[in-house]
């Protein structure tokens, strides 16, 4: 029995992911970061995440884990709930994101 291959950048143990929520979360993070006029590399350093990984999260190429979501929200100085609410809004209204 062959194990399914895991795509690079996916959480351990998953072979697929849903792109819409990942993209909506990335849009929410980017909007909050830009609203605070923080450069991506500076923001990544504040969150303790590599700049390239942060870019992949913002582009919806990576699904962040709960610890990453918490790091991101703390670096943005907003609650994780606000970040998830913005993500849900982006999912409901994809053209407004």
PDB file of N, CA and C in Angstrom:
ATOM      1  N   UNK A   1       0.848  -1.177   0.000  1.00  0.00           N
ATOM      2  CA  UNK A   1       0.000   0.000   0.000  1.00  0.00           C
ATOM      3  C   UNK A   1       0.894   1.240   0.000  1.00  0.00           C
ATOM      4  N   UNK A   2       0.696   2.092  -0.954  1.00  0.00           N
ATOM      5  CA  UNK A   2       1.509   3.293  -1.092  1.00  0.00           C
ATOM      6  C   UNK A   2       0.856   4.463  -0.374  1.00  0.00           C
ATOM      7  N   UNK A   3       1.673   5.206   0.396  1.00  0.00           N
ATOM      8  CA  UNK A   3       1.166   6.382   1.098  1.00  0.00           C
ATOM      9  C   UNK A   3       0.910   7.493   0.087  1.00  0.00           C
ATOM     10  N   UNK A   4      -0.138   8.289   0.289  1.00  0.00           N
ATOM     11  CA  UNK A   4      -0.354   9.433  -0.607  1.00  0.00           C
ATOM     12  C   UNK A   4       0.779  10.436  -0.427  1.00  0.00           C
ATOM     13  N   UNK A   5       1.168  11.053  -1.517  1.00  0.00           N
ATOM     14  CA  UNK A   5       2.228  12.049  -1.428  1.00  0.00           C
ATOM     15  C   UNK A   5       1.670  13.339  -0.853  1.00  0.00           C
ATOM     16  N   UNK A   6       2.483  13.982  -0.072  1.00  0.00           N
ATOM     17  CA  UNK A   6       2.094  15.252   0.540  1.00  0.00           C
ATOM     18  C   UNK A   6       2.727  16.364  -0.274  1.00  0.00           C
ATOM     19  N   UNK A   7       1.907  17.306  -0.687  1.00  0.00           N
ATOM     20  CA  UNK A   7       2.397  18.439  -1.463  1.00  0.00           C
ATOM     21  C   UNK A   7       3.235  19.353  -0.581  1.00  0.00           C
ATOM     22  N   UNK A   8       4.298  19.925  -1.110  1.00  0.00           N
ATOM     23  CA  UNK A   8       5.095  20.864  -0.323  1.00  0.00           C
ATOM     24  C   UNK A   8       4.227  22.009   0.186  1.00  0.00           C
ATOM     25  N   UNK A   9       4.456  22.392   1.422  1.00  0.00           N
ATOM     26  CA  UNK A   9       3.738  23.519   1.991  1.00  0.00           C
ATOM     27  C   UNK A   9       2.418  23.166   2.643  1.00  0.00           C
ATOM     28  N   UNK A  10       2.012  21.925   2.546  1.00  0.00           N
ATOM     29  CA  UNK A  10       0.755  21.522   3.177  1.00  0.00           C
ATOM     30  C   UNK A  10       1.048  21.082   4.607  1.00  0.00           C
ATOM     31  N   UNK A  11       0.070  21.221   5.489  1.00  0.00           N
ATOM     32  CA  UNK A  11       0.280  20.748   6.856  1.00  0.00           C
ATOM     33  C   UNK A  11       0.584  19.254   6.859  1.00  0.00           C
ATOM     34  N   UNK A  12       1.426  18.828   7.771  1.00  0.00           N
ATOM     35  CA  UNK A  12       1.782  17.417   7.873  1.00  0.00           C
ATOM     36  C   UNK A  12       0.522  16.574   8.012  1.00  0.00           C
ATOM     37  N   UNK A  13       0.474  15.497   7.282  1.00  0.00           N
ATOM     38  CA  UNK A  13      -0.660  14.589   7.364  1.00  0.00           C
ATOM     39  C   UNK A  13      -1.777  14.881   6.384  1.00  0.00           C
ATOM     40  N   UNK A  14      -1.671  15.941   5.596  1.00  0.00           N
ATOM     41  CA  UNK A  14      -2.718  16.227   4.614  1.00  0.00           C
ATOM     42  C   UNK A  14      -2.145  16.146   3.217  1.00  0.00           C
ATOM     43  N   UNK A  15      -2.960  15.661   2.305  1.00  0.00           N
ATOM     44  CA  UNK A  15      -2.506  15.570   0.921  1.00  0.00           C
ATOM     45  C   UNK A  15      -3.158  16.638   0.050  1.00  0.00           C
ATOM     46  N   UNK A  16      -4.222  17.244   0.546  1.00  0.00           N
ATOM     47  CA  UNK A  16      -4.898  18.312  -0.195  1.00  0.00           C
ATOM     48  C   UNK A  16      -5.308  19.413   0.785  1.00  0.00           C
ATOM     49  N   UNK A  17      -5.738  20.509   0.239  1.00  0.00           N
ATOM     50  CA  UNK A  17      -6.273  21.574   1.081  1.00  0.00           C
ATOM     51  C   UNK A  17      -7.298  22.340   0.272  1.00  0.00           C
ATOM     52  N   UNK A  18      -8.137  23.091   0.973  1.00  0.00           N
ATOM     53  CA  UNK A  18      -9.133  23.919   0.308  1.00  0.00           C
ATOM     54  C   UNK A  18      -8.522  25.293   0.078  1.00  0.00           C
ATOM     55  N   UNK A  19      -8.447  25.676  -1.177  1.00  0.00           N
ATOM     56  CA  UNK A  19      -7.769  26.932  -1.495  1.00  0.00           C
ATOM     57  C   UNK A  19      -8.565  28.172  -1.110  1.00  0.00           C
ATOM     58  N   UNK A  20      -9.893  28.127  -1.177  1.00  0.00           N
ATOM     59  CA  UNK A  20     -10.689  29.327  -0.893  1.00  0.00           C
ATOM     60  C   UNK A  20     -10.458  29.862   0.521  1.00  0.00           C
ATOM     61  N   UNK A  21     -10.528  29.023   1.562  1.00  0.00           N
ATOM     62  CA  UNK A  21     -10.260  29.560   2.902  1.00  0.00           C
ATOM     63  C   UNK A  21      -8.825  30.058   3.060  1.00  0.00           C
ATOM     64  N   UNK A  22      -7.876  29.370   2.455  1.00  0.00           N
ATOM     65  CA  UNK A  22      -6.480  29.798   2.544  1.00  0.00           C
ATOM     66  C   UNK A  22      -6.296  31.160   1.892  1.00  0.00           C
ATOM     67  N   UNK A  23      -6.912  31.358   0.740  1.00  0.00           N
ATOM     68  CA  UNK A  23      -6.809  32.650   0.046  1.00  0.00           C
ATOM     69  C   UNK A  23      -7.529  33.744   0.823  1.00  0.00           C
ATOM     70  N   UNK A  24      -8.700  33.428   1.394  1.00  0.00           N
ATOM     71  CA  UNK A  24      -9.456  34.419   2.162  1.00  0.00           C
ATOM     72  C   UNK A  24      -8.685  34.835   3.406  1.00  0.00           C
ATOM     73  N   UNK A  25      -8.026  33.875   4.066  1.00  0.00           N
ATOM     74  CA  UNK A  25      -7.215  34.209   5.238  1.00  0.00           C
ATOM     75  C   UNK A  25      -6.037  35.083   4.825  1.00  0.00           C
ATOM     76  N   UNK A  26      -5.384  34.717   3.750  1.00  0.00           N
ATOM     77  CA  UNK A  26      -4.248  35.500   3.257  1.00  0.00           C
ATOM     78  C   UNK A  26      -4.646  36.929   2.924  1.00  0.00           C
ATOM     79  N   UNK A  27      -5.817  37.091   2.326  1.00  0.00           N
ATOM     80  CA  UNK A  27      -6.302  38.434   1.999  1.00  0.00           C
ATOM     81  C   UNK A  27      -6.561  39.235   3.265  1.00  0.00           C
ATOM     82  N   UNK A  28      -7.108  38.572   4.292  1.00  0.00           N
ATOM     83  CA  UNK A  28      -7.383  39.252   5.562  1.00  0.00           C
ATOM     84  C   UNK A  28      -6.084  39.702   6.226  1.00  0.00           C
ATOM     85  N   UNK A  29      -5.083  38.834   6.207  1.00  0.00           N
ATOM     86  CA  UNK A  29      -3.793  39.175   6.811  1.00  0.00           C
ATOM     87  C   UNK A  29      -3.161  40.338   6.063  1.00  0.00           C
ATOM     88  N   UNK A  30      -3.138  40.237   4.742  1.00  0.00           N
ATOM     89  CA  UNK A  30      -2.511  41.299   3.942  1.00  0.00           C
ATOM     90  C   UNK A  30      -3.232  42.637   4.146  1.00  0.00           C
ATOM     91  N   UNK A  31      -4.566  42.619   4.155  1.00  0.00           N
ATOM     92  CA  UNK A  31      -5.322  43.858   4.343  1.00  0.00           C
ATOM     93  C   UNK A  31      -5.001  44.489   5.698  1.00  0.00           C
ATOM     94  N   UNK A  32      -4.932  43.685   6.743  1.00  0.00           N
ATOM     95  CA  UNK A  32      -4.629  44.213   8.076  1.00  0.00           C
ATOM     96  C   UNK A  32      -3.195  44.744   8.133  1.00  0.00           C
ATOM     97  N   UNK A  33      -2.277  44.028   7.503  1.00  0.00           N
ATOM     98  CA  UNK A  33      -0.868  44.457   7.497  1.00  0.00           C
ATOM     99  C   UNK A  33      -0.703  45.767   6.732  1.00  0.00           C
ATOM    100  N   UNK A  34      -1.318  45.858   5.560  1.00  0.00           N
ATOM    101  CA  UNK A  34      -1.210  47.062   4.735  1.00  0.00           C
ATOM    102  C   UNK A  34      -1.889  48.246   5.433  1.00  0.00           C
ATOM    103  N   UNK A  35      -3.016  48.000   6.095  1.00  0.00           N
ATOM    104  CA  UNK A  35      -3.717  49.063   6.815  1.00  0.00           C
ATOM    105  C   UNK A  35      -2.844  49.660   7.913  1.00  0.00           C
ATOM    106  N   UNK A  36      -1.935  48.842   8.450  1.00  0.00           N
ATOM    107  CA  UNK A  36      -1.033  49.321   9.493  1.00  0.00           C
ATOM    108  C   UNK A  36       0.300  49.805   8.918  1.00  0.00           C
ATOM    109  N   UNK A  37       0.410  49.802   7.596  1.00  0.00           N
ATOM    110  CA  UNK A  37       1.611  50.261   6.891  1.00  0.00           C
ATOM    111  C   UNK A  37       2.869  49.531   7.357  1.00  0.00           C
ATOM    112  N   UNK A  38       2.759  48.208   7.458  1.00  0.00           N
ATOM    113  CA  UNK A  38       3.896  47.385   7.855  1.00  0.00           C
ATOM    114  C   UNK A  38       4.372  46.620   6.624  1.00  0.00           C
ATOM    115  N   UNK A  39       5.664  46.689   6.327  1.00  0.00           N
ATOM    116  CA  UNK A  39       6.242  45.938   5.206  1.00  0.00           C
ATOM    117  C   UNK A  39       6.188  44.443   5.544  1.00  0.00           C
ATOM    118  N   UNK A  40       6.081  43.626   4.506  1.00  0.00           N
ATOM    119  CA  UNK A  40       5.945  42.190   4.719  1.00  0.00           C
ATOM    120  C   UNK A  40       7.140  41.597   5.472  1.00  0.00           C
ATOM    121  N   UNK A  41       8.360  42.012   5.133  1.00  0.00           N
ATOM    122  CA  UNK A  41       9.523  41.451   5.816  1.00  0.00           C
ATOM    123  C   UNK A  41       9.565  41.865   7.287  1.00  0.00           C
ATOM    124  N   UNK A  42       9.194  43.096   7.558  1.00  0.00           N
ATOM    125  CA  UNK A  42       9.140  43.573   8.940  1.00  0.00           C
ATOM    126  C   UNK A  42       8.054  42.811   9.708  1.00  0.00           C
ATOM    127  N   UNK A  43       6.907  42.625   9.073  1.00  0.00           N
ATOM    128  CA  UNK A  43       5.796  41.913   9.700  1.00  0.00           C
ATOM    129  C   UNK A  43       6.166  40.464   9.990  1.00  0.00           C
ATOM    130  N   UNK A  44       6.814  39.823   9.035  1.00  0.00           N
ATOM    131  CA  UNK A  44       7.227  38.431   9.224  1.00  0.00           C
ATOM    132  C   UNK A  44       8.158  38.315  10.429  1.00  0.00           C
ATOM    133  N   UNK A  45       9.078  39.264  10.559  1.00  0.00           N
ATOM    134  CA  UNK A  45       9.994  39.264  11.705  1.00  0.00           C
ATOM    135  C   UNK A  45       9.230  39.455  13.012  1.00  0.00           C
ATOM    136  N   UNK A  46       8.246  40.358  13.023  1.00  0.00           N
ATOM    137  CA  UNK A  46       7.425  40.580  14.220  1.00  0.00           C
ATOM    138  C   UNK A  46       6.677  39.314  14.625  1.00  0.00           C
ATOM    139  N   UNK A  47       6.218  38.558  13.620  1.00  0.00           N
ATOM    140  CA  UNK A  47       5.442  37.346  13.877  1.00  0.00           C
ATOM    141  C   UNK A  47       6.323  36.127  14.123  1.00  0.00           C
ATOM    142  N   UNK A  48       7.612  36.247  13.842  1.00  0.00           N
ATOM    143  CA  UNK A  48       8.503  35.109  14.017  1.00  0.00           C
ATOM    144  C   UNK A  48       8.346  34.067  12.934  1.00  0.00           C
ATOM    145  N   UNK A  49       8.016  34.536  11.722  1.00  0.00           N
ATOM    146  CA  UNK A  49       7.798  33.662  10.567  1.00  0.00           C
ATOM    147  C   UNK A  49       8.746  34.131   9.469  1.00  0.00           C
ATOM    148  N   UNK A  50       9.263  33.211   8.675  1.00  0.00           N
ATOM    149  CA  UNK A  50      10.146  33.642   7.581  1.00  0.00           C
ATOM    150  C   UNK A  50       9.343  34.463   6.572  1.00  0.00           C
ATOM    151  N   UNK A  51      10.012  35.406   5.915  1.00  0.00           N
ATOM    152  CA  UNK A  51       9.338  36.269   4.955  1.00  0.00           C
ATOM    153  C   UNK A  51       8.722  35.467   3.828  1.00  0.00           C
ATOM    154  N   UNK A  52       9.432  34.453   3.351  1.00  0.00           N
ATOM    155  CA  UNK A  52       8.889  33.656   2.246  1.00  0.00           C
ATOM    156  C   UNK A  52       7.648  32.877   2.673  1.00  0.00           C
ATOM    157  N   UNK A  53       7.655  32.370   3.902  1.00  0.00           N
ATOM    158  CA  UNK A  53       6.474  31.656   4.398  1.00  0.00           C
ATOM    159  C   UNK A  53       5.301  32.619   4.552  1.00  0.00           C
ATOM    160  N   UNK A  54       5.598  33.832   5.056  1.00  0.00           N
ATOM    161  CA  UNK A  54       4.542  34.835   5.206  1.00  0.00           C
ATOM    162  C   UNK A  54       3.937  35.180   3.853  1.00  0.00           C
ATOM    163  N   UNK A  55       4.777  35.296   2.834  1.00  0.00           N
ATOM    164  CA  UNK A  55       4.283  35.575   1.489  1.00  0.00           C
ATOM    165  C   UNK A  55       3.368  34.472   0.990  1.00  0.00           C
ATOM    166  N   UNK A  56       3.736  33.232   1.267  1.00  0.00           N
ATOM    167  CA  UNK A  56       2.905  32.099   0.835  1.00  0.00           C
ATOM    168  C   UNK A  56       1.572  32.085   1.570  1.00  0.00           C
ATOM    169  N   UNK A  57       1.583  32.457   2.839  1.00  0.00           N
ATOM    170  CA  UNK A  57       0.326  32.537   3.595  1.00  0.00           C
ATOM    171  C   UNK A  57      -0.554  33.629   2.998  1.00  0.00           C
ATOM    172  N   UNK A  58       0.022  34.805   2.728  1.00  0.00           N
ATOM    173  CA  UNK A  58      -0.759  35.914   2.177  1.00  0.00           C
ATOM    174  C   UNK A  58      -1.300  35.594   0.778  1.00  0.00           C
ATOM    175  N   UNK A  59      -0.596  34.792   0.010  1.00  0.00           N
ATOM    176  CA  UNK A  59      -1.061  34.414  -1.329  1.00  0.00           C
ATOM    177  C   UNK A  59      -2.007  33.217  -1.297  1.00  0.00           C
ATOM    178  N   UNK A  60      -2.229  32.642  -0.120  1.00  0.00           N
ATOM    179  CA  UNK A  60      -3.126  31.498  -0.007  1.00  0.00           C
ATOM    180  C   UNK A  60      -2.502  30.191  -0.448  1.00  0.00           C
ATOM    181  N   UNK A  61      -1.179  30.138  -0.487  1.00  0.00           N
ATOM    182  CA  UNK A  61      -0.480  28.925  -0.899  1.00  0.00           C
ATOM    183  C   UNK A  61      -0.213  27.992   0.268  1.00  0.00           C
ATOM    184  N   UNK A  62      -0.303  28.488   1.488  1.00  0.00           N
ATOM    185  CA  UNK A  62      -0.112  27.689   2.694  1.00  0.00           C
ATOM    186  C   UNK A  62      -1.309  27.874   3.604  1.00  0.00           C
ATOM    187  N   UNK A  63      -1.710  26.794   4.246  1.00  0.00           N
ATOM    188  CA  UNK A  63      -2.763  26.852   5.245  1.00  0.00           C
ATOM    189  C   UNK A  63      -2.075  26.969   6.610  1.00  0.00           C
ATOM    190  N   UNK A  64      -2.252  28.087   7.301  1.00  0.00           N
ATOM    191  CA  UNK A  64      -1.554  28.244   8.573  1.00  0.00           C
ATOM    192  C   UNK A  64      -2.175  27.385   9.669  1.00  0.00           C
ATOM    193  N   UNK A  65      -1.340  26.946  10.579  1.00  0.00           N
ATOM    194  CA  UNK A  65      -1.801  26.204  11.742  1.00  0.00           C
ATOM    195  C   UNK A  65      -2.320  27.192  12.786  1.00  0.00           C
ATOM    196  N   UNK A  66      -2.984  26.677  13.801  1.00  0.00           N
ATOM    197  CA  UNK A  66      -3.489  27.546  14.864  1.00  0.00           C
ATOM    198  C   UNK A  66      -2.366  28.342  15.535  1.00  0.00           C
ATOM    199  N   UNK A  67      -1.223  27.731  15.862  1.00  0.00           N
ATOM    200  CA  UNK A  67      -0.154  28.548  16.444  1.00  0.00           C
ATOM    201  C   UNK A  67       0.303  29.683  15.526  1.00  0.00           C
ATOM    202  N   UNK A  68       0.344  29.441  14.210  1.00  0.00           N
ATOM    203  CA  UNK A  68       0.721  30.511  13.276  1.00  0.00           C
ATOM    204  C   UNK A  68      -0.334  31.606  13.236  1.00  0.00           C
ATOM    205  N   UNK A  69      -1.599  31.221  13.250  1.00  0.00           N
ATOM    206  CA  UNK A  69      -2.683  32.217  13.251  1.00  0.00           C
ATOM    207  C   UNK A  69      -2.553  33.105  14.490  1.00  0.00           C
ATOM    208  N   UNK A  70      -2.252  32.499  15.629  1.00  0.00           N
ATOM    209  CA  UNK A  70      -2.096  33.270  16.863  1.00  0.00           C
ATOM    210  C   UNK A  70      -0.879  34.194  16.796  1.00  0.00           C
ATOM    211  N   UNK A  71       0.238  33.721  16.242  1.00  0.00           N
ATOM    212  CA  UNK A  71       1.424  34.564  16.071  1.00  0.00           C
ATOM    213  C   UNK A  71       1.115  35.755  15.165  1.00  0.00           C
ATOM    214  N   UNK A  72       0.394  35.479  14.071  1.00  0.00           N
ATOM    215  CA  UNK A  72       0.050  36.529  13.108  1.00  0.00           C
ATOM    216  C   UNK A  72      -0.860  37.568  13.764  1.00  0.00           C
ATOM    217  N   UNK A  73      -1.875  37.107  14.485  1.00  0.00           N
ATOM    218  CA  UNK A  73      -2.807  38.056  15.119  1.00  0.00           C
ATOM    219  C   UNK A  73      -2.097  38.887  16.184  1.00  0.00           C
ATOM    220  N   UNK A  74      -1.182  38.281  16.935  1.00  0.00           N
ATOM    221  CA  UNK A  74      -0.444  39.044  17.955  1.00  0.00           C
ATOM    222  C   UNK A  74       0.465  40.081  17.297  1.00  0.00           C
ATOM    223  N   UNK A  75       1.094  39.715  16.176  1.00  0.00           N
ATOM    224  CA  UNK A  75       1.958  40.675  15.473  1.00  0.00           C
ATOM    225  C   UNK A  75       1.134  41.829  14.907  1.00  0.00           C
ATOM    226  N   UNK A  76      -0.108  41.548  14.507  1.00  0.00           N
ATOM    227  CA  UNK A  76      -0.993  42.590  13.978  1.00  0.00           C
ATOM    228  C   UNK A  76      -1.672  43.390  15.094  1.00  0.00           C
ATOM    229  N   UNK A  77      -1.542  42.897  16.328  1.00  0.00           N
ATOM    230  CA  UNK A  77      -2.184  43.523  17.494  1.00  0.00           C
ATOM    231  C   UNK A  77      -3.704  43.557  17.351  1.00  0.00           C
ATOM    232  N   UNK A  78      -4.223  42.454  16.787  1.00  0.00           N
ATOM    233  CA  UNK A  78      -5.668  42.254  16.722  1.00  0.00           C
ATOM    234  C   UNK A  78      -5.947  40.843  17.224  1.00  0.00           C
ATOM    235  N   UNK A  79      -7.184  40.568  17.566  1.00  0.00           N
ATOM    236  CA  UNK A  79      -7.500  39.226  18.048  1.00  0.00           C
ATOM    237  C   UNK A  79      -7.585  38.242  16.883  1.00  0.00           C
ATOM    238  N   UNK A  80      -7.343  36.990  17.197  1.00  0.00           N
ATOM    239  CA  UNK A  80      -7.481  35.946  16.186  1.00  0.00           C
ATOM    240  C   UNK A  80      -8.937  35.903  15.703  1.00  0.00           C
ATOM    241  N   UNK A  81      -9.867  36.219  16.592  1.00  0.00           N
ATOM    242  CA  UNK A  81     -11.284  36.237  16.218  1.00  0.00           C
ATOM    243  C   UNK A  81     -11.558  37.288  15.143  1.00  0.00           C
ATOM    244  N   UNK A  82     -10.920  38.458  15.262  1.00  0.00           N
ATOM    245  CA  UNK A  82     -11.091  39.504  14.244  1.00  0.00           C
ATOM    246  C   UNK A  82     -10.525  39.050  12.904  1.00  0.00           C
ATOM    247  N   UNK A  83      -9.398  38.368  12.959  1.00  0.00           N
ATOM    248  CA  UNK A  83      -8.762  37.874  11.744  1.00  0.00           C
ATOM    249  C   UNK A  83      -9.637  36.811  11.073  1.00  0.00           C
ATOM    250  N   UNK A  84     -10.216  35.935  11.876  1.00  0.00           N
ATOM    251  CA  UNK A  84     -11.095  34.892  11.329  1.00  0.00           C
ATOM    252  C   UNK A  84     -12.394  35.520  10.812  1.00  0.00           C
ATOM    253  N   UNK A  85     -12.902  36.532  11.499  1.00  0.00           N
ATOM    254  CA  UNK A  85     -14.114  37.219  11.022  1.00  0.00           C
ATOM    255  C   UNK A  85     -13.851  37.872   9.664  1.00  0.00           C
ATOM    256  N   UNK A  86     -12.672  38.473   9.497  1.00  0.00           N
ATOM    257  CA  UNK A  86     -12.321  39.068   8.202  1.00  0.00           C
ATOM    258  C   UNK A  86     -12.194  37.982   7.137  1.00  0.00           C
ATOM    259  N   UNK A  87     -11.669  36.833   7.526  1.00  0.00           N
ATOM    260  CA  UNK A  87     -11.561  35.696   6.603  1.00  0.00           C
ATOM    261  C   UNK A  87     -12.948  35.238   6.166  1.00  0.00           C
ATOM    262  N   UNK A  88     -13.866  35.120   7.121  1.00  0.00           N
ATOM    263  CA  UNK A  88     -15.238  34.711   6.798  1.00  0.00           C
ATOM    264  C   UNK A  88     -15.903  35.730   5.880  1.00  0.00           C
ATOM    265  N   UNK A  89     -15.660  36.997   6.128  1.00  0.00           N
ATOM    266  CA  UNK A  89     -16.209  38.045   5.266  1.00  0.00           C
ATOM    267  C   UNK A  89     -15.668  37.916   3.844  1.00  0.00           C
ATOM    268  N   UNK A  90     -14.355  37.632   3.728  1.00  0.00           N
ATOM    269  CA  UNK A  90     -13.745  37.451   2.406  1.00  0.00           C
ATOM    270  C   UNK A  90     -14.345  36.243   1.694  1.00  0.00           C
ATOM    271  N   UNK A  91     -14.689  35.216   2.432  1.00  0.00           N
ATOM    272  CA  UNK A  91     -15.305  34.021   1.826  1.00  0.00           C
ATOM    273  C   UNK A  91     -16.722  34.325   1.331  1.00  0.00           C
ATOM    274  N   UNK A  92     -17.467  35.129   2.114  1.00  0.00           N
ATOM    275  CA  UNK A  92     -18.830  35.485   1.717  1.00  0.00           C
ATOM    276  C   UNK A  92     -18.864  36.467   0.558  1.00  0.00           C
ATOM    277  N   UNK A  93     -17.900  37.385   0.532  1.00  0.00           N
ATOM    278  CA  UNK A  93     -17.861  38.444  -0.466  1.00  0.00           C
ATOM    279  C   UNK A  93     -16.508  38.455  -1.161  1.00  0.00           C
ATOM    280  N   UNK A  94     -16.226  37.485  -2.006  1.00  0.00           N
ATOM    281  CA  UNK A  94     -14.884  37.380  -2.595  1.00  0.00           C
ATOM    282  C   UNK A  94     -14.492  38.586  -3.446  1.00  0.00           C
ATOM    283  N   UNK A  95     -15.415  39.312  -4.019  1.00  0.00           N
ATOM    284  CA  UNK A  95     -15.062  40.463  -4.858  1.00  0.00           C
ATOM    285  C   UNK A  95     -14.673  41.668  -4.023  1.00  0.00           C
ATOM    286  N   UNK A  96     -15.132  41.723  -2.756  1.00  0.00           N
ATOM    287  CA  UNK A  96     -14.822  42.850  -1.889  1.00  0.00           C
ATOM    288  C   UNK A  96     -13.510  42.657  -1.153  1.00  0.00           C
ATOM    289  N   UNK A  97     -12.917  41.488  -1.244  1.00  0.00           N
ATOM    290  CA  UNK A  97     -11.688  41.203  -0.492  1.00  0.00           C
ATOM    291  C   UNK A  97     -10.481  41.845  -1.087  1.00  0.00           C
TER     292      UNK A  97
END
